[in-house]
N, C-alpha and C. Protein backbone atom coordinates (compact mmCIF):
# COMPACT_ATOMS: atom_id res chain seq x y z
N MET A 1 6.63 -79.72 75.56
CA MET A 1 5.42 -78.98 75.82
C MET A 1 4.60 -78.93 74.53
N LEU A 2 3.30 -79.10 74.69
CA LEU A 2 2.37 -79.02 73.57
C LEU A 2 1.39 -77.90 73.86
N ARG A 3 1.20 -77.02 72.91
CA ARG A 3 0.27 -75.90 73.08
C ARG A 3 -0.87 -76.06 72.09
N MET A 4 -2.10 -75.92 72.59
CA MET A 4 -3.30 -76.02 71.75
C MET A 4 -4.19 -74.82 71.99
N TYR A 5 -4.84 -74.38 70.93
CA TYR A 5 -5.86 -73.35 71.03
C TYR A 5 -7.19 -74.05 70.80
N LEU A 6 -8.06 -73.99 71.79
CA LEU A 6 -9.30 -74.75 71.75
C LEU A 6 -10.51 -73.84 71.83
N ALA A 7 -11.60 -74.27 71.23
CA ALA A 7 -12.86 -73.53 71.25
C ALA A 7 -13.85 -74.24 72.17
N LYS A 8 -14.90 -73.53 72.53
CA LYS A 8 -15.93 -74.10 73.40
C LYS A 8 -16.53 -75.33 72.73
N GLY A 9 -16.65 -76.40 73.49
CA GLY A 9 -17.21 -77.64 72.98
C GLY A 9 -16.17 -78.63 72.48
N ASP A 10 -14.91 -78.22 72.35
CA ASP A 10 -13.86 -79.13 71.93
C ASP A 10 -13.50 -80.08 73.07
N ALA A 11 -12.83 -81.16 72.71
CA ALA A 11 -12.37 -82.12 73.71
C ALA A 11 -10.95 -82.56 73.37
N VAL A 12 -10.19 -82.89 74.39
CA VAL A 12 -8.86 -83.46 74.22
C VAL A 12 -8.90 -84.83 74.88
N HIS A 13 -8.68 -85.87 74.07
CA HIS A 13 -8.66 -87.24 74.58
C HIS A 13 -7.23 -87.57 75.00
N VAL A 14 -7.06 -88.04 76.22
CA VAL A 14 -5.75 -88.34 76.78
C VAL A 14 -5.64 -89.85 76.98
N THR A 15 -4.57 -90.46 76.46
CA THR A 15 -4.30 -91.87 76.67
C THR A 15 -2.94 -91.99 77.34
N PHE A 16 -2.92 -92.54 78.55
CA PHE A 16 -1.68 -92.68 79.31
C PHE A 16 -0.98 -93.98 78.94
N SER A 17 0.29 -94.10 79.32
CA SER A 17 1.10 -95.25 78.92
C SER A 17 0.57 -96.57 79.48
N ASP A 18 -0.18 -96.54 80.59
CA ASP A 18 -0.72 -97.78 81.16
C ASP A 18 -2.07 -98.16 80.55
N GLY A 19 -2.55 -97.39 79.57
CA GLY A 19 -3.80 -97.69 78.90
C GLY A 19 -5.00 -96.93 79.42
N GLU A 20 -4.85 -96.24 80.55
CA GLU A 20 -5.95 -95.44 81.11
C GLU A 20 -6.24 -94.28 80.16
N THR A 21 -7.51 -93.89 80.08
CA THR A 21 -7.89 -92.79 79.21
C THR A 21 -8.67 -91.74 79.99
N GLY A 22 -8.75 -90.56 79.42
CA GLY A 22 -9.52 -89.48 80.02
C GLY A 22 -9.85 -88.45 78.96
N ILE A 23 -10.75 -87.54 79.33
CA ILE A 23 -11.17 -86.48 78.41
C ILE A 23 -11.08 -85.15 79.12
N ILE A 24 -10.52 -84.17 78.44
CA ILE A 24 -10.52 -82.79 78.92
C ILE A 24 -11.56 -82.06 78.09
N GLN A 25 -12.62 -81.57 78.73
CA GLN A 25 -13.70 -80.87 78.04
C GLN A 25 -13.48 -79.38 78.16
N VAL A 26 -13.56 -78.67 77.04
CA VAL A 26 -13.31 -77.23 77.02
C VAL A 26 -14.64 -76.49 77.17
N GLU A 27 -14.72 -75.62 78.18
CA GLU A 27 -15.95 -74.87 78.46
C GLU A 27 -15.95 -73.49 77.81
N SER A 28 -14.78 -72.96 77.48
CA SER A 28 -14.70 -71.66 76.82
C SER A 28 -13.43 -71.63 75.96
N ARG A 29 -13.37 -70.68 75.04
CA ARG A 29 -12.21 -70.58 74.17
C ARG A 29 -10.97 -70.35 75.02
N SER A 30 -9.92 -71.11 74.76
CA SER A 30 -8.75 -71.01 75.62
C SER A 30 -7.50 -71.50 74.91
N GLU A 31 -6.38 -71.20 75.53
CA GLU A 31 -5.08 -71.68 75.10
C GLU A 31 -4.56 -72.56 76.22
N LEU A 32 -4.22 -73.80 75.90
CA LEU A 32 -3.74 -74.73 76.91
C LEU A 32 -2.32 -75.16 76.57
N SER A 33 -1.51 -75.33 77.61
CA SER A 33 -0.17 -75.88 77.46
C SER A 33 -0.10 -77.17 78.26
N PHE A 34 0.30 -78.26 77.61
CA PHE A 34 0.37 -79.56 78.26
C PHE A 34 1.82 -79.93 78.48
N HIS A 35 2.10 -80.46 79.65
CA HIS A 35 3.43 -80.97 79.98
C HIS A 35 3.24 -82.42 80.44
N PHE A 36 3.29 -83.35 79.50
CA PHE A 36 3.14 -84.78 79.78
C PHE A 36 4.38 -85.50 79.26
N PRO A 37 4.65 -86.70 79.76
CA PRO A 37 5.74 -87.50 79.20
C PRO A 37 5.44 -87.87 77.74
N LYS A 38 6.46 -88.26 77.00
CA LYS A 38 6.29 -88.59 75.58
C LYS A 38 5.36 -89.78 75.35
N LYS A 39 5.21 -90.64 76.35
CA LYS A 39 4.37 -91.83 76.19
C LYS A 39 2.88 -91.51 76.28
N VAL A 40 2.53 -90.31 76.67
CA VAL A 40 1.12 -89.91 76.77
C VAL A 40 0.66 -89.41 75.40
N ARG A 41 -0.50 -89.90 74.97
CA ARG A 41 -1.04 -89.53 73.66
C ARG A 41 -2.20 -88.56 73.84
N LEU A 42 -2.18 -87.45 73.10
CA LEU A 42 -3.24 -86.45 73.15
C LEU A 42 -3.87 -86.32 71.76
N VAL A 43 -5.20 -86.38 71.69
CA VAL A 43 -5.92 -86.25 70.43
C VAL A 43 -7.00 -85.21 70.60
N ARG A 44 -7.04 -84.23 69.71
CA ARG A 44 -8.04 -83.17 69.77
C ARG A 44 -9.25 -83.56 68.93
N GLU A 45 -10.44 -83.30 69.47
CA GLU A 45 -11.69 -83.53 68.74
C GLU A 45 -12.49 -82.24 68.75
N LYS A 46 -12.68 -81.66 67.58
CA LYS A 46 -13.43 -80.41 67.49
C LYS A 46 -14.92 -80.68 67.63
N GLU A 47 -15.60 -79.78 68.32
CA GLU A 47 -17.06 -79.84 68.52
C GLU A 47 -17.53 -81.18 69.06
N ALA A 48 -16.80 -81.74 70.01
CA ALA A 48 -17.18 -83.01 70.62
C ALA A 48 -18.43 -82.86 71.47
N PHE A 49 -18.58 -81.72 72.11
CA PHE A 49 -19.71 -81.46 72.98
C PHE A 49 -20.51 -80.30 72.39
N LYS A 50 -21.51 -80.64 71.62
CA LYS A 50 -22.33 -79.60 70.98
C LYS A 50 -23.40 -79.11 71.94
N LYS A 51 -23.85 -77.91 71.70
CA LYS A 51 -24.92 -77.34 72.52
C LYS A 51 -26.20 -78.14 72.31
N LEU A 52 -26.89 -78.47 73.40
CA LEU A 52 -28.14 -79.19 73.29
C LEU A 52 -29.31 -78.24 73.06
N ILE A 53 -29.17 -76.98 73.46
CA ILE A 53 -30.23 -76.00 73.28
C ILE A 53 -29.88 -75.14 72.07
N LYS A 54 -30.75 -75.14 71.09
CA LYS A 54 -30.52 -74.33 69.90
C LYS A 54 -30.90 -72.88 70.20
N PRO A 55 -30.31 -71.92 69.49
CA PRO A 55 -30.58 -70.50 69.77
C PRO A 55 -32.06 -70.13 69.74
N ASN A 56 -32.87 -70.75 68.88
CA ASN A 56 -34.28 -70.39 68.79
C ASN A 56 -35.13 -71.04 69.89
N GLN A 57 -34.54 -71.87 70.74
CA GLN A 57 -35.27 -72.53 71.82
C GLN A 57 -35.13 -71.79 73.15
N LYS A 58 -34.35 -70.73 73.20
CA LYS A 58 -34.13 -70.01 74.45
C LYS A 58 -35.31 -69.17 74.82
């Protein structure tokens, strides 16, 4: 089991043993627990999805 604490805008890149890939996009601050086989690769990317609207544009 792998446990990660993620913030809004973070992403987790998943690479499966057959070469398929995917992205888990975090919408709010959270704690995630992953249960994948050892052949699955997980890579965290901080601030992968930045806000497009700046605070002064609201």
